[in-house]
PDB file of N, CA and C in Angstrom:
ATOM      1  N   MET A   1       0.012 -12.521   9.744  1.00  0.00           N
ATOM      2  CA  MET A   1       0.404 -11.457   8.847  1.00  0.00           C
ATOM      3  C   MET A   1       1.893 -11.447   9.028  1.00  0.00           C
ATOM      4  N   SER A   2       2.575 -11.220   7.784  1.00  0.00           N
ATOM      5  CA  SER A   2       3.937 -11.294   7.726  1.00  0.00           C
ATOM      6  C   SER A   2       4.469  -9.852   8.211  1.00  0.00           C
ATOM      7  N   ALA A   3       5.772  -9.829   8.585  1.00  0.00           N
ATOM      8  CA  ALA A   3       6.366  -8.619   8.994  1.00  0.00           C
ATOM      9  C   ALA A   3       6.329  -7.590   7.928  1.00  0.00           C
ATOM     10  N   ILE A   4       6.474  -8.073   6.662  1.00  0.00           N
ATOM     11  CA  ILE A   4       6.524  -7.160   5.528  1.00  0.00           C
ATOM     12  C   ILE A   4       5.108  -6.547   5.329  1.00  0.00           C
ATOM     13  N   SER A   5       4.022  -7.373   5.443  1.00  0.00           N
ATOM     14  CA  SER A   5       2.732  -6.812   5.317  1.00  0.00           C
ATOM     15  C   SER A   5       2.355  -5.862   6.442  1.00  0.00           C
ATOM     16  N   LYS A   6       2.855  -6.040   7.668  1.00  0.00           N
ATOM     17  CA  LYS A   6       2.566  -5.174   8.684  1.00  0.00           C
ATOM     18  C   LYS A   6       3.282  -3.805   8.516  1.00  0.00           C
ATOM     19  N   SER A   7       4.601  -3.902   8.075  1.00  0.00           N
ATOM     20  CA  SER A   7       5.192  -2.686   7.622  1.00  0.00           C
ATOM     21  C   SER A   7       4.645  -1.911   6.527  1.00  0.00           C
ATOM     22  N   VAL A   8       4.182  -2.617   5.363  1.00  0.00           N
ATOM     23  CA  VAL A   8       3.512  -1.916   4.414  1.00  0.00           C
ATOM     24  C   VAL A   8       2.233  -1.266   4.862  1.00  0.00           C
ATOM     25  N   ARG A   9       1.484  -1.965   5.722  1.00  0.00           N
ATOM     26  CA  ARG A   9       0.149  -1.363   6.305  1.00  0.00           C
ATOM     27  C   ARG A   9       0.524  -0.129   6.989  1.00  0.00           C
ATOM     28  N   ASN A  10       1.463  -0.179   7.913  1.00  0.00           N
ATOM     29  CA  ASN A  10       1.846   0.982   8.669  1.00  0.00           C
ATOM     30  C   ASN A  10       2.312   2.210   7.785  1.00  0.00           C
ATOM     31  N   GLN A  11       3.092   1.863   6.798  1.00  0.00           N
ATOM     32  CA  GLN A  11       3.629   2.932   5.892  1.00  0.00           C
ATOM     33  C   GLN A  11       2.479   3.516   5.199  1.00  0.00           C
ATOM     34  N   TYR A  12       1.588   2.678   4.598  1.00  0.00           N
ATOM     35  CA  TYR A  12       0.366   3.175   3.884  1.00  0.00           C
ATOM     36  C   TYR A  12      -0.482   4.082   4.774  1.00  0.00           C
ATOM     37  N   LEU A  13      -0.803   3.693   6.036  1.00  0.00           N
ATOM     38  CA  LEU A  13      -1.570   4.551   6.808  1.00  0.00           C
ATOM     39  C   LEU A  13      -0.937   5.771   7.169  1.00  0.00           C
ATOM     40  N   GLU A  14       0.380   5.756   7.477  1.00  0.00           N
ATOM     41  CA  GLU A  14       1.156   7.000   7.718  1.00  0.00           C
ATOM     42  C   GLU A  14       1.120   7.952   6.567  1.00  0.00           C
ATOM     43  N   PHE A  15       1.251   7.345   5.360  1.00  0.00           N
ATOM     44  CA  PHE A  15       1.243   8.150   4.181  1.00  0.00           C
ATOM     45  C   PHE A  15      -0.043   8.898   4.003  1.00  0.00           C
ATOM     46  N   LEU A  16      -1.110   8.183   4.191  1.00  0.00           N
ATOM     47  CA  LEU A  16      -2.542   8.895   4.126  1.00  0.00           C
ATOM     48  C   LEU A  16      -2.589   9.912   5.106  1.00  0.00           C
ATOM     49  N   ALA A  17      -2.241   9.680   6.315  1.00  0.00           N
ATOM     50  CA  ALA A  17      -2.313  10.650   7.407  1.00  0.00           C
ATOM     51  C   ALA A  17      -1.428  11.884   7.090  1.00  0.00           C
ATOM     52  N   GLU A  18      -0.173  11.620   6.601  1.00  0.00           N
ATOM     53  CA  GLU A  18       0.691  12.745   6.366  1.00  0.00           C
ATOM     54  C   GLU A  18       0.254  13.620   5.200  1.00  0.00           C
ATOM     55  N   THR A  19      -0.254  12.918   4.140  1.00  0.00           N
ATOM     56  CA  THR A  19      -0.603  13.726   2.838  1.00  0.00           C
ATOM     57  C   THR A  19      -2.050  14.155   2.907  1.00  0.00           C
ATOM     58  N   GLY A  20      -2.938  13.627   3.730  1.00  0.00           N
ATOM     59  CA  GLY A  20      -4.322  14.044   3.733  1.00  0.00           C
ATOM     60  C   GLY A  20      -5.076  13.358   2.540  1.00  0.00           C
ATOM     61  N   MET A  21      -4.465  12.455   1.937  1.00  0.00           N
ATOM     62  CA  MET A  21      -5.042  11.762   0.769  1.00  0.00           C
ATOM     63  C   MET A  21      -6.096  10.811   1.174  1.00  0.00           C
ATOM     64  N   THR A  22      -7.120  10.737   0.453  1.00  0.00           N
ATOM     65  CA  THR A  22      -8.222   9.714   0.765  1.00  0.00           C
ATOM     66  C   THR A  22      -7.841   8.489   0.220  1.00  0.00           C
ATOM     67  N   ARG A  23      -8.551   7.443   0.735  1.00  0.00           N
ATOM     68  CA  ARG A  23      -8.457   6.025   0.110  1.00  0.00           C
ATOM     69  C   ARG A  23      -8.755   6.063  -1.326  1.00  0.00           C
ATOM     70  N   TYR A  24      -9.934   6.686  -1.613  1.00  0.00           N
ATOM     71  CA  TYR A  24     -10.211   6.835  -3.095  1.00  0.00           C
ATOM     72  C   TYR A  24      -9.121   7.410  -3.924  1.00  0.00           C
ATOM     73  N   GLU A  25      -8.599   8.506  -3.466  1.00  0.00           N
ATOM     74  CA  GLU A  25      -7.490   9.220  -4.301  1.00  0.00           C
ATOM     75  C   GLU A  25      -6.236   8.281  -4.401  1.00  0.00           C
ATOM     76  N   PHE A  26      -6.000   7.512  -3.333  1.00  0.00           N
ATOM     77  CA  PHE A  26      -4.805   6.680  -3.438  1.00  0.00           C
ATOM     78  C   PHE A  26      -5.126   5.477  -4.309  1.00  0.00           C
ATOM     79  N   SER A  27      -6.408   5.053  -4.320  1.00  0.00           N
ATOM     80  CA  SER A  27      -6.742   3.957  -5.212  1.00  0.00           C
ATOM     81  C   SER A  27      -6.526   4.360  -6.656  1.00  0.00           C
ATOM     82  N   LYS A  28      -6.925   5.517  -7.084  1.00  0.00           N
ATOM     83  CA  LYS A  28      -6.688   6.029  -8.360  1.00  0.00           C
ATOM     84  C   LYS A  28      -5.248   6.100  -8.691  1.00  0.00           C
ATOM     85  N   ARG A  29      -4.484   6.593  -7.805  1.00  0.00           N
ATOM     86  CA  ARG A  29      -3.034   6.876  -7.927  1.00  0.00           C
ATOM     87  C   ARG A  29      -2.278   5.538  -8.139  1.00  0.00           C
ATOM     88  N   SER A  30      -2.747   4.605  -7.338  1.00  0.00           N
ATOM     89  CA  SER A  30      -1.891   3.349  -7.268  1.00  0.00           C
ATOM     90  C   SER A  30      -2.431   2.186  -8.185  1.00  0.00           C
ATOM     91  N   GLY A  31      -3.669   2.393  -8.622  1.00  0.00           N
ATOM     92  CA  GLY A  31      -4.326   1.219  -9.416  1.00  0.00           C
ATOM     93  C   GLY A  31      -4.832  -0.020  -8.633  1.00  0.00           C
ATOM     94  N   ILE A  32      -4.892   0.152  -7.292  1.00  0.00           N
ATOM     95  CA  ILE A  32      -5.350  -0.840  -6.406  1.00  0.00           C
ATOM     96  C   ILE A  32      -6.793  -0.562  -6.118  1.00  0.00           C
ATOM     97  N   PRO A  33      -7.767  -1.432  -6.244  1.00  0.00           N
ATOM     98  CA  PRO A  33      -9.121  -1.272  -5.845  1.00  0.00           C
ATOM     99  C   PRO A  33      -9.309  -0.703  -4.522  1.00  0.00           C
ATOM    100  N   GLU A  34     -10.248   0.200  -4.351  1.00  0.00           N
ATOM    101  CA  GLU A  34     -10.506   0.817  -3.070  1.00  0.00           C
ATOM    102  C   GLU A  34     -10.896  -0.214  -1.981  1.00  0.00           C
ATOM    103  N   SER A  35     -11.563  -1.259  -2.440  1.00  0.00           N
ATOM    104  CA  SER A  35     -11.926  -2.336  -1.357  1.00  0.00           C
ATOM    105  C   SER A  35     -10.675  -3.056  -0.906  1.00  0.00           C
ATOM    106  N   THR A  36      -9.713  -3.186  -1.674  1.00  0.00           N
ATOM    107  CA  THR A  36      -8.440  -3.748  -1.221  1.00  0.00           C
ATOM    108  C   THR A  36      -7.723  -2.801  -0.178  1.00  0.00           C
ATOM    109  N   LEU A  37      -7.758  -1.603  -0.502  1.00  0.00           N
ATOM    110  CA  LEU A  37      -7.112  -0.585   0.351  1.00  0.00           C
ATOM    111  C   LEU A  37      -7.835  -0.564   1.662  1.00  0.00           C
ATOM    112  N   TRP A  38      -9.272  -0.670   1.601  1.00  0.00           N
ATOM    113  CA  TRP A  38     -10.038  -0.637   2.893  1.00  0.00           C
ATOM    114  C   TRP A  38      -9.613  -1.887   3.793  1.00  0.00           C
ATOM    115  N   SER A  39      -9.473  -3.067   3.089  1.00  0.00           N
ATOM    116  CA  SER A  39      -9.095  -4.208   3.865  1.00  0.00           C
ATOM    117  C   SER A  39      -7.712  -4.087   4.400  1.00  0.00           C
ATOM    118  N   LEU A  40      -6.817  -3.473   3.696  1.00  0.00           N
ATOM    119  CA  LEU A  40      -5.445  -3.192   4.257  1.00  0.00           C
ATOM    120  C   LEU A  40      -5.477  -2.328   5.445  1.00  0.00           C
ATOM    121  N   GLY A  41      -6.371  -1.281   5.376  1.00  0.00           N
ATOM    122  CA  GLY A  41      -6.434  -0.322   6.440  1.00  0.00           C
ATOM    123  C   GLY A  41      -7.137  -0.788   7.715  1.00  0.00           C
ATOM    124  N   GLN A  42      -8.097  -1.641   7.567  1.00  0.00           N
ATOM    125  CA  GLN A  42      -8.922  -2.160   8.615  1.00  0.00           C
ATOM    126  C   GLN A  42      -8.628  -3.337   9.186  1.00  0.00           C
ATOM    127  N   LYS A  43      -8.077  -4.258   8.477  1.00  0.00           N
ATOM    128  CA  LYS A  43      -7.770  -5.625   8.978  1.00  0.00           C
ATOM    129  C   LYS A  43      -6.297  -5.826   9.292  1.00  0.00           C
ATOM    130  N   GLU A  44      -6.099  -5.796  10.642  1.00  0.00           N
ATOM    131  CA  GLU A  44      -4.652  -6.018  11.071  1.00  0.00           C
ATOM    132  C   GLU A  44      -3.950  -7.145  10.571  1.00  0.00           C
ATOM    133  N   ASP A  45      -4.679  -8.222  10.317  1.00  0.00           N
ATOM    134  CA  ASP A  45      -4.033  -9.515   9.817  1.00  0.00           C
ATOM    135  C   ASP A  45      -4.086  -9.632   8.243  1.00  0.00           C
ATOM    136  N   TYR A  46      -4.322  -8.573   7.488  1.00  0.00           N
ATOM    137  CA  TYR A  46      -4.474  -8.600   6.039  1.00  0.00           C
ATOM    138  C   TYR A  46      -2.988  -8.854   5.494  1.00  0.00           C
ATOM    139  N   ASP A  47      -2.894  -9.933   4.654  1.00  0.00           N
ATOM    140  CA  ASP A  47      -1.656 -10.263   4.022  1.00  0.00           C
ATOM    141  C   ASP A  47      -1.604  -9.610   2.673  1.00  0.00           C
ATOM    142  N   VAL A  48      -0.700  -8.690   2.380  1.00  0.00           N
ATOM    143  CA  VAL A  48      -0.575  -7.999   1.126  1.00  0.00           C
ATOM    144  C   VAL A  48       0.203  -8.711   0.077  1.00  0.00           C
ATOM    145  N   ARG A  49      -0.364  -8.907  -1.051  1.00  0.00           N
ATOM    146  CA  ARG A  49       0.365  -9.542  -2.224  1.00  0.00           C
ATOM    147  C   ARG A  49       1.530  -8.702  -2.653  1.00  0.00           C
ATOM    148  N   GLU A  50       2.556  -9.364  -3.182  1.00  0.00           N
ATOM    149  CA  GLU A  50       3.750  -8.763  -3.795  1.00  0.00           C
ATOM    150  C   GLU A  50       3.363  -7.707  -4.719  1.00  0.00           C
ATOM    151  N   SER A  51       2.415  -8.061  -5.705  1.00  0.00           N
ATOM    152  CA  SER A  51       2.052  -7.064  -6.791  1.00  0.00           C
ATOM    153  C   SER A  51       1.448  -5.827  -6.185  1.00  0.00           C
ATOM    154  N   ASN A  52       0.612  -6.019  -5.059  1.00  0.00           N
ATOM    155  CA  ASN A  52       0.100  -4.784  -4.457  1.00  0.00           C
ATOM    156  C   ASN A  52       1.125  -3.997  -3.646  1.00  0.00           C
ATOM    157  N   ILE A  53       2.126  -4.650  -3.049  1.00  0.00           N
ATOM    158  CA  ILE A  53       3.149  -3.946  -2.389  1.00  0.00           C
ATOM    159  C   ILE A  53       3.942  -2.970  -3.361  1.00  0.00           C
ATOM    160  N   ARG A  54       4.163  -3.496  -4.572  1.00  0.00           N
ATOM    161  CA  ARG A  54       4.824  -2.718  -5.655  1.00  0.00           C
ATOM    162  C   ARG A  54       3.924  -1.529  -5.987  1.00  0.00           C
ATOM    163  N   LYS A  55       2.679  -1.763  -6.079  1.00  0.00           N
ATOM    164  CA  LYS A  55       1.661  -0.591  -6.485  1.00  0.00           C
ATOM    165  C   LYS A  55       1.590   0.356  -5.340  1.00  0.00           C
ATOM    166  N   ILE A  56       1.561  -0.056  -4.131  1.00  0.00           N
ATOM    167  CA  ILE A  56       1.572   0.843  -2.974  1.00  0.00           C
ATOM    168  C   ILE A  56       2.775   1.744  -3.070  1.00  0.00           C
ATOM    169  N   ALA A  57       4.005   1.087  -3.210  1.00  0.00           N
ATOM    170  CA  ALA A  57       5.231   1.839  -3.157  1.00  0.00           C
ATOM    171  C   ALA A  57       5.124   2.863  -4.305  1.00  0.00           C
ATOM    172  N   GLN A  58       4.672   2.431  -5.508  1.00  0.00           N
ATOM    173  CA  GLN A  58       4.640   3.459  -6.636  1.00  0.00           C
ATOM    174  C   GLN A  58       3.588   4.524  -6.328  1.00  0.00           C
ATOM    175  N   GLY A  59       2.458   4.147  -5.711  1.00  0.00           N
ATOM    176  CA  GLY A  59       1.517   5.247  -5.363  1.00  0.00           C
ATOM    177  C   GLY A  59       2.039   6.258  -4.359  1.00  0.00           C
ATOM    178  N   MET A  60       2.946   5.815  -3.574  1.00  0.00           N
ATOM    179  CA  MET A  60       3.649   6.655  -2.569  1.00  0.00           C
ATOM    180  C   MET A  60       4.816   7.400  -3.112  1.00  0.00           C
ATOM    181  N   GLY A  61       5.162   7.179  -4.432  1.00  0.00           N
ATOM    182  CA  GLY A  61       6.173   7.844  -5.012  1.00  0.00           C
ATOM    183  C   GLY A  61       7.494   7.272  -4.819  1.00  0.00           C
ATOM    184  N   CYS A  62       7.594   6.032  -4.327  1.00  0.00           N
ATOM    185  CA  CYS A  62       8.820   5.372  -4.154  1.00  0.00           C
ATOM    186  C   CYS A  62       9.398   4.602  -5.282  1.00  0.00           C
ATOM    187  N   LEU A  63      10.606   4.704  -5.512  1.00  0.00           N
ATOM    188  CA  LEU A  63      11.293   3.911  -6.585  1.00  0.00           C
ATOM    189  C   LEU A  63      11.742   2.669  -6.069  1.00  0.00           C
ATOM    190  N   LEU A  64      11.421   1.560  -6.740  1.00  0.00           N
ATOM    191  CA  LEU A  64      11.851   0.277  -6.357  1.00  0.00           C
ATOM    192  C   LEU A  64      12.870  -0.317  -7.283  1.00  0.00           C
ATOM    193  N   TYR A  65      13.804  -0.972  -6.634  1.00  0.00           N
ATOM    194  CA  TYR A  65      14.955  -1.555  -7.338  1.00  0.00           C
ATOM    195  C   TYR A  65      14.749  -3.008  -7.462  1.00  0.00           C
ATOM    196  N   THR A  66      14.777  -3.500  -8.614  1.00  0.00           N
ATOM    197  CA  THR A  66      14.740  -5.007  -8.848  1.00  0.00           C
ATOM    198  C   THR A  66      15.955  -5.383  -9.531  1.00  0.00           C
ATOM    199  N   SER A  67      16.620  -6.407  -9.050  1.00  0.00           N
ATOM    200  CA  SER A  67      17.816  -6.874  -9.697  1.00  0.00           C
ATOM    201  C   SER A  67      17.437  -7.582 -10.994  1.00  0.00           C
ATOM    202  N   PRO A  68      18.379  -7.523 -11.981  1.00  0.00           N
ATOM    203  CA  PRO A  68      18.113  -8.253 -13.227  1.00  0.00           C
ATOM    204  C   PRO A  68      18.173  -9.736 -13.011  1.00  0.00           C
ATOM    205  N   SER A  69      17.348 -10.363 -13.698  1.00  0.00           N
ATOM    206  CA  SER A  69      17.221 -11.881 -13.547  1.00  0.00           C
ATOM    207  C   SER A  69      18.284 -12.547 -14.369  1.00  0.00           C
TER     208      SER A  69
END
């Protein structure tokens, strides 16, 4: 697992704990299938795709900056 995936996993789990949001609610909010979120939460070696990192950040209410190409 990459350092980024590990960080995303930790932030996701902290977010759920702090907000009391369920995996189902976060799935609806982020657009990520609940099964993918289950894998992220349960499998310590789960490698998160870049597209899902963006969706997780948006689901947590984070604004992402992308530089113009």
